[in-house]
C-alpha atoms as a PDB file:
ATOM      1  CA  MET A   1    -120.899   6.932 -56.429  1.00  0.00           C
ATOM      2  CA  PRO A   2    -120.235  10.003 -54.861  1.00  0.00           C
ATOM      3  CA  ARG A   3    -120.689   8.733 -51.844  1.00  0.00           C
ATOM      4  CA  LEU A   4    -118.201   5.733 -52.972  1.00  0.00           C
ATOM      5  CA  ALA A   5    -115.574   7.492 -53.851  1.00  0.00           C
ATOM      6  CA  ILE A   6    -115.822   9.451 -50.483  1.00  0.00           C
ATOM      7  CA  ALA A   7    -115.454   6.154 -48.198  1.00  0.00           C
ATOM      8  CA  LEU A   8    -113.040   5.008 -50.078  1.00  0.00           C
ATOM      9  CA  LEU A   9    -111.032   8.774 -49.396  1.00  0.00           C
ATOM     10  CA  LEU A  10    -111.881   8.231 -45.442  1.00  0.00           C
ATOM     11  CA  ALA A  11    -110.594   4.456 -45.595  1.00  0.00           C
ATOM     12  CA  CYS A  12    -107.354   5.116 -46.826  1.00  0.00           C
ATOM     13  CA  GLY A  13    -107.055   8.442 -44.967  1.00  0.00           C
ATOM     14  CA  VAL A  14    -107.345   6.197 -41.893  1.00  0.00           C
ATOM     15  CA  SER A  15    -105.368   3.468 -42.858  1.00  0.00           C
ATOM     16  CA  LEU A  16    -102.602   5.822 -43.639  1.00  0.00           C
ATOM     17  CA  GLY A  17    -102.530   7.522 -40.174  1.00  0.00           C
ATOM     18  CA  LEU A  18    -103.404   4.212 -38.313  1.00  0.00           C
ATOM     19  CA  PHE A  19    -100.445   3.324 -40.034  1.00  0.00           C
ATOM     20  CA  TRP A  20     -98.309   6.246 -39.291  1.00  0.00           C
ATOM     21  CA  ALA A  21     -99.505   6.220 -35.557  1.00  0.00           C
ATOM     22  CA  MET A  22     -98.000   2.426 -35.182  1.00  0.00           C
ATOM     23  CA  HIS A  23     -94.651   3.274 -37.056  1.00  0.00           C
ATOM     24  CA  GLN A  24     -94.338   6.051 -34.656  1.00  0.00           C
ATOM     25  CA  MET A  25     -94.389   3.620 -31.839  1.00  0.00           C
ATOM     26  CA  VAL A  26     -92.357   1.445 -33.136  1.00  0.00           C
ATOM     27  CA  SER A  27     -89.401   3.331 -33.699  1.00  0.00           C
ATOM     28  CA  GLY A  28     -89.975   6.029 -31.539  1.00  0.00           C
ATOM     29  CA  PRO A  29     -88.784   4.436 -27.678  1.00  0.00           C
ATOM     30  CA  GLY A  30     -85.840   2.975 -29.815  1.00  0.00           C
ATOM     31  CA  GLU A  31     -84.360   6.061 -31.217  1.00  0.00           C
ATOM     32  CA  LEU A  32     -85.086   7.456 -27.678  1.00  0.00           C
ATOM     33  CA  LYS A  33     -82.816   4.452 -26.848  1.00  0.00           C
ATOM     34  CA  ARG A  34     -80.468   4.586 -29.047  1.00  0.00           C
ATOM     35  CA  ASP A  35     -79.809   8.506 -28.286  1.00  0.00           C
ATOM     36  CA  ASN A  36     -79.358   7.971 -24.384  1.00  0.00           C
ATOM     37  CA  ARG A  37     -77.100   5.230 -24.529  1.00  0.00           C
ATOM     38  CA  ASP A  38     -74.923   7.692 -27.017  1.00  0.00           C
ATOM     39  CA  ASN A  39     -74.869  10.180 -24.429  1.00  0.00           C
ATOM     40  CA  THR A  40     -73.938   7.765 -21.680  1.00  0.00           C
ATOM     41  CA  TYR A  41     -71.336   6.243 -23.437  1.00  0.00           C
ATOM     42  CA  VAL A  42     -69.501  10.253 -24.480  1.00  0.00           C
ATOM     43  CA  ASP A  43     -70.542  11.356 -20.599  1.00  0.00           C
ATOM     44  CA  PHE A  44     -68.149   8.392 -19.737  1.00  0.00           C
ATOM     45  CA  VAL A  45     -65.705   8.548 -21.770  1.00  0.00           C
ATOM     46  CA  ARG A  46     -64.963  12.660 -20.898  1.00  0.00           C
ATOM     47  CA  LEU A  47     -64.975  11.469 -17.241  1.00  0.00           C
ATOM     48  CA  LYS A  48     -62.432   9.217 -17.639  1.00  0.00           C
ATOM     49  CA  GLN A  49     -60.381  11.007 -19.733  1.00  0.00           C
ATOM     50  CA  GLU A  50     -60.585  14.106 -17.123  1.00  0.00           C
ATOM     51  CA  SER A  51     -59.456  11.791 -14.420  1.00  0.00           C
ATOM     52  CA  LYS A  52     -56.244  10.879 -16.272  1.00  0.00           C
ATOM     53  CA  THR A  53     -55.375  14.616 -16.876  1.00  0.00           C
ATOM     54  CA  GLN A  54     -55.308  15.063 -13.027  1.00  0.00           C
ATOM     55  CA  LEU A  55     -53.527  11.859 -12.483  1.00  0.00           C
ATOM     56  CA  LYS A  56     -51.183  13.469 -15.147  1.00  0.00           C
ATOM     57  CA  GLU A  57     -50.794  16.607 -13.590  1.00  0.00           C
ATOM     58  CA  ARG A  58     -50.566  15.394 -10.011  1.00  0.00           C
ATOM     59  CA  ARG A  59     -47.349  13.168 -11.062  1.00  0.00           C
ATOM     60  CA  LYS A  60     -45.897  16.233 -12.506  1.00  0.00           C
ATOM     61  CA  GLN A  61     -45.630  17.985  -9.462  1.00  0.00           C
ATOM     62  CA  GLU A  62     -41.841  17.541  -7.999  1.00  0.00           C
ATOM     63  CA  PRO A  63     -41.347  17.198  -4.181  1.00  0.00           C
ATOM     64  CA  PRO A  64     -40.250  20.355  -2.240  1.00  0.00           C
ATOM     65  CA  LYS A  65     -36.066  20.833  -2.506  1.00  0.00           C
ATOM     66  CA  PRO A  66     -34.815  20.610   1.246  1.00  0.00           C
ATOM     67  CA  LYS A  67     -33.638  23.831   2.550  1.00  0.00           C
ATOM     68  CA  LYS A  68     -29.562  23.947   2.532  1.00  0.00           C
ATOM     69  CA  PRO A  69     -28.945  23.851   6.462  1.00  0.00           C
ATOM     70  CA  GLN A  70     -27.460  27.703   7.153  1.00  0.00           C
ATOM     71  CA  LEU A  71     -24.126  27.269   9.259  1.00  0.00           C
ATOM     72  CA  PRO A  72     -24.791  29.326  12.525  1.00  0.00           C
ATOM     73  CA  LYS A  73     -22.259  32.837  12.684  1.00  0.00           C
ATOM     74  CA  GLU A  74     -20.871  32.371  15.955  1.00  0.00           C
ATOM     75  CA  SER A  75     -18.761  28.896  14.700  1.00  0.00           C
ATOM     76  CA  VAL A  76     -17.409  31.044  11.415  1.00  0.00           C
ATOM     77  CA  ALA A  77     -16.345  34.160  13.962  1.00  0.00           C
ATOM     78  CA  GLU A  78     -14.477  30.993  16.150  1.00  0.00           C
ATOM     79  CA  GLN A  79     -12.582  30.251  12.983  1.00  0.00           C
ATOM     80  CA  ASN A  80     -11.379  33.559  11.802  1.00  0.00           C
ATOM     81  CA  THR A  81      -9.968  34.178  15.142  1.00  0.00           C
ATOM     82  CA  PRO A  82      -6.393  34.501  15.213  1.00  0.00           C
ATOM     83  CA  MET A  83      -5.125  32.099  17.555  1.00  0.00           C
ATOM     84  CA  GLN A  84      -3.428  33.517  20.471  1.00  0.00           C
ATOM     85  CA  GLN A  85       0.181  32.083  21.004  1.00  0.00           C
ATOM     86  CA  LEU A  86       1.354  30.562  24.522  1.00  0.00           C
ATOM     87  CA  PRO A  87       4.049  32.323  25.740  1.00  0.00           C
ATOM     88  CA  PHE A  88       7.547  29.525  26.113  1.00  0.00           C
ATOM     89  CA  ASN A  89       9.792  30.602  28.556  1.00  0.00           C
ATOM     90  CA  MET A  90      13.370  28.559  28.053  1.00  0.00           C
ATOM     91  CA  PRO A  91      14.726  27.077  30.895  1.00  0.00           C
ATOM     92  CA  ASP A  92      17.606  28.957  32.562  1.00  0.00           C
ATOM     93  CA  VAL A  93      21.127  27.002  32.197  1.00  0.00           C
ATOM     94  CA  ASN A  94      23.075  27.824  34.928  1.00  0.00           C
ATOM     95  CA  PRO A  95      25.785  29.955  34.743  1.00  0.00           C
ATOM     96  CA  ASP A  96      27.864  27.350  37.032  1.00  0.00           C
ATOM     97  CA  LEU A  97      28.360  25.048  34.615  1.00  0.00           C
ATOM     98  CA  SER A  98      30.865  24.319  31.619  1.00  0.00           C
ATOM     99  CA  LEU A  99      29.626  22.035  28.806  1.00  0.00           C
ATOM    100  CA  ALA A 100      32.890  21.310  27.689  1.00  0.00           C
ATOM    101  CA  GLN A 101      33.822  20.404  31.310  1.00  0.00           C
ATOM    102  CA  ASN A 102      30.985  19.324  32.752  1.00  0.00           C
ATOM    103  CA  SER A 103      29.242  16.965  29.607  1.00  0.00           C
ATOM    104  CA  LEU A 104      31.989  14.666  29.072  1.00  0.00           C
ATOM    105  CA  LEU A 105      36.035  14.559  31.053  1.00  0.00           C
ATOM    106  CA  GLY A 106      38.476  12.081  30.330  1.00  0.00           C
ATOM    107  CA  ASP A 107      36.899  11.092  27.307  1.00  0.00           C
ATOM    108  CA  ALA A 108      40.135   9.252  26.213  1.00  0.00           C
ATOM    109  CA  VAL A 109      39.190   5.661  25.764  1.00  0.00           C
ATOM    110  CA  VAL A 110      41.390   3.024  28.387  1.00  0.00           C
ATOM    111  CA  GLY A 111      42.380  -0.206  27.920  1.00  0.00           C
ATOM    112  CA  MET A 112      40.650  -0.271  24.277  1.00  0.00           C
ATOM    113  CA  GLY A 113      39.809  -3.673  23.283  1.00  0.00           C
ATOM    114  CA  PHE A 114      41.626  -5.627  26.330  1.00  0.00           C
ATOM    115  CA  GLY A 115      44.960  -5.056  24.080  1.00  0.00           C
ATOM    116  CA  ASP A 116      43.293  -4.769  20.773  1.00  0.00           C
ATOM    117  CA  THR A 117      44.358  -1.616  18.818  1.00  0.00           C
ATOM    118  CA  ASP A 118      42.212  -2.338  15.503  1.00  0.00           C
ATOM    119  CA  VAL A 119      39.009  -0.775  17.934  1.00  0.00           C
ATOM    120  CA  ILE A 120      38.877   2.900  16.647  1.00  0.00           C
ATOM    121  CA  PRO A 121      35.692   4.985  17.997  1.00  0.00           C
ATOM    122  CA  LEU A 122      34.040   6.702  15.090  1.00  0.00           C
ATOM    123  CA  VAL A 123      31.400   8.982  17.116  1.00  0.00           C
ATOM    124  CA  ARG A 124      31.405   9.317  20.915  1.00  0.00           C
ATOM    125  CA  MET A 125      28.173  11.152  22.837  1.00  0.00           C
ATOM    126  CA  ASN A 126      28.771  13.438  25.876  1.00  0.00           C
ATOM    127  CA  ALA A 127      27.523  12.198  28.936  1.00  0.00           C
ATOM    128  CA  VAL A 128      25.389  14.748  30.662  1.00  0.00           C
ATOM    129  CA  TYR A 129      26.174  15.357  34.186  1.00  0.00           C
ATOM    130  CA  PRO A 130      23.438  14.284  36.877  1.00  0.00           C
ATOM    131  CA  GLN A 131      21.442  17.760  38.229  1.00  0.00           C
ATOM    132  CA  LYS A 132      21.847  15.719  41.454  1.00  0.00           C
ATOM    133  CA  ALA A 133      25.451  15.633  41.305  1.00  0.00           C
ATOM    134  CA  VAL A 134      25.480  19.262  40.247  1.00  0.00           C
ATOM    135  CA  ARG A 135      23.595  20.195  43.523  1.00  0.00           C
ATOM    136  CA  GLN A 136      25.690  17.949  45.483  1.00  0.00           C
ATOM    137  CA  LYS A 137      29.088  18.966  44.030  1.00  0.00           C
ATOM    138  CA  ILE A 138      29.768  14.831  43.796  1.00  0.00           C
ATOM    139  CA  GLU A 139      32.334  14.060  40.945  1.00  0.00           C
ATOM    140  CA  GLY A 140      33.291  10.398  39.999  1.00  0.00           C
ATOM    141  CA  TYR A 141      33.931   7.869  37.159  1.00  0.00           C
ATOM    142  CA  VAL A 142      32.714   5.080  35.467  1.00  0.00           C
ATOM    143  CA  THR A 143      34.199   1.924  33.619  1.00  0.00           C
ATOM    144  CA  ALA A 144      32.536   0.211  31.127  1.00  0.00           C
ATOM    145  CA  ARG A 145      32.963  -2.822  28.586  1.00  0.00           C
ATOM    146  CA  LEU A 146      31.459  -2.476  25.683  1.00  0.00           C
ATOM    147  CA  ALA A 147      29.927  -5.382  23.326  1.00  0.00           C
ATOM    148  CA  ILE A 148      30.182  -3.761  19.684  1.00  0.00           C
ATOM    149  CA  ASN A 149      28.536  -5.584  16.796  1.00  0.00           C
ATOM    150  CA  PRO A 150      30.122  -6.313  13.377  1.00  0.00           C
ATOM    151  CA  GLU A 151      28.360  -3.046  11.694  1.00  0.00           C
ATOM    152  CA  GLY A 152      30.394  -0.867  14.514  1.00  0.00           C
ATOM    153  CA  THR A 153      27.270  -0.053  17.326  1.00  0.00           C
ATOM    154  CA  VAL A 154      27.012  -1.311  20.787  1.00  0.00           C
ATOM    155  CA  ASP A 155      24.923  -4.213  21.466  1.00  0.00           C
ATOM    156  CA  ASP A 156      25.540  -4.152  25.266  1.00  0.00           C
ATOM    157  CA  VAL A 157      26.903  -2.381  28.017  1.00  0.00           C
ATOM    158  CA  GLU A 158      28.393  -4.130  31.692  1.00  0.00           C
ATOM    159  CA  ILE A 159      29.278  -1.509  34.487  1.00  0.00           C
ATOM    160  CA  LEU A 160      32.613  -2.774  35.761  1.00  0.00           C
ATOM    161  CA  GLU A 161      33.252   0.015  38.242  1.00  0.00           C
ATOM    162  CA  ALA A 162      31.885   2.983  39.538  1.00  0.00           C
ATOM    163  CA  GLU A 163      32.610   5.624  41.635  1.00  0.00           C
ATOM    164  CA  PRO A 164      30.502   6.612  43.862  1.00  0.00           C
ATOM    165  CA  ARG A 165      28.025   3.888  43.452  1.00  0.00           C
ATOM    166  CA  GLY A 166      24.289   4.988  42.133  1.00  0.00           C
ATOM    167  CA  VAL A 167      25.353   8.631  40.875  1.00  0.00           C
ATOM    168  CA  PHE A 168      26.892   8.292  37.263  1.00  0.00           C
ATOM    169  CA  GLU A 169      26.000   4.773  35.930  1.00  0.00           C
ATOM    170  CA  ARG A 170      22.525   6.203  34.429  1.00  0.00           C
ATOM    171  CA  GLU A 171      24.128   8.901  31.850  1.00  0.00           C
ATOM    172  CA  ALA A 172      27.301   7.023  31.307  1.00  0.00           C
ATOM    173  CA  ILE A 173      25.166   4.412  30.390  1.00  0.00           C
ATOM    174  CA  ARG A 174      23.101   6.133  27.744  1.00  0.00           C
ATOM    175  CA  ALA A 175      26.349   8.063  26.153  1.00  0.00           C
ATOM    176  CA  LEU A 176      27.945   4.956  25.907  1.00  0.00           C
ATOM    177  CA  TYR A 177      25.024   2.969  23.871  1.00  0.00           C
ATOM    178  CA  LYS A 178      25.474   5.836  21.248  1.00  0.00           C
ATOM    179  CA  TYR A 179      29.011   5.068  20.587  1.00  0.00           C
ATOM    180  CA  LYS A 180      30.061   4.353  17.064  1.00  0.00           C
ATOM    181  CA  PHE A 181      33.318   2.206  16.080  1.00  0.00           C
ATOM    182  CA  LYS A 182      35.196   0.930  13.086  1.00  0.00           C
ATOM    183  CA  PRO A 183      33.920  -2.077  11.803  1.00  0.00           C
ATOM    184  CA  LYS A 184      37.083  -4.711  13.013  1.00  0.00           C
ATOM    185  CA  MET A 185      37.968  -7.053   9.763  1.00  0.00           C
ATOM    186  CA  GLU A 186      38.944 -10.697   9.618  1.00  0.00           C
ATOM    187  CA  ASN A 187      39.586 -12.544   6.495  1.00  0.00           C
ATOM    188  CA  GLY A 188      37.334  -9.766   4.852  1.00  0.00           C
ATOM    189  CA  ARG A 189      34.470  -9.758   6.635  1.00  0.00           C
ATOM    190  CA  PRO A 190      33.301  -7.290   9.889  1.00  0.00           C
ATOM    191  CA  VAL A 191      33.278  -9.555  12.980  1.00  0.00           C
ATOM    192  CA  ALA A 192      32.244  -8.667  16.708  1.00  0.00           C
ATOM    193  CA  GLN A 193      34.454  -7.027  18.982  1.00  0.00           C
ATOM    194  CA  GLN A 194      35.055  -5.705  22.356  1.00  0.00           C
ATOM    195  CA  ALA A 195      36.379  -2.675  24.223  1.00  0.00           C
ATOM    196  CA  THR A 196      36.029  -0.648  27.638  1.00  0.00           C
ATOM    197  CA  GLN A 197      35.194   2.853  28.232  1.00  0.00           C
ATOM    198  CA  THR A 198      36.066   5.205  31.298  1.00  0.00           C
ATOM    199  CA  ILE A 199      33.775   8.356  31.851  1.00  0.00           C
ATOM    200  CA  GLU A 200      34.856  10.917  34.496  1.00  0.00           C
ATOM    201  CA  PHE A 201      32.054  13.066  35.926  1.00  0.00           C
ATOM    202  CA  LYS A 202      34.655  16.637  36.946  1.00  0.00           C
ATOM    203  CA  LEU A 203      32.880  19.704  37.642  1.00  0.00           C
ATOM    204  CA  GLY A 204      34.043  22.990  36.088  1.00  0.00           C
ATOM    205  CA  ASP A 205      36.119  25.726  38.689  1.00  0.00           C
ATOM    206  CA  SER A 206      33.044  27.654  40.023  1.00  0.00           C
END
């Protein structure tokens, strides 16, 4: 009997040992694999989060602002420099000339409108005595026909006579184009008209 009891106990112990060893062999590698998978998954997530953080930090960096160009000091100094006034000399007027006599002499209207007494001058401009004629002491006259529009201004100037020729015509025409007359009225409406004008050019006493 004692030998049978000891044999049963040994058999039970061996059975339990084998059973425990088989359990360790089956369950051990699976748990190890699960631990490794969990560790790998955790490491992967951590690295991915770090990469996102780095990208966000890079996006937040603002580009450097361009520096404002500085104006050169020389240009500012030039702007602050006051401009020098240039001397302006007025031309000397010949004291031997009389403006009242040499600008326009004989300014009375001669033969106005070929007998039409309705022609009334409102504005008459003085003719300029040519400098060449002044130096050469030339005197003369110009007679011209004026075409006057309904508004009273001169549309055309026709030289009828000039003495001497080619000396006083240009200045006489310039003055006559600036004449203005009172409009001629017919049946309550202004109409065109004609007139003649003689301008005499005479030198004053020296």
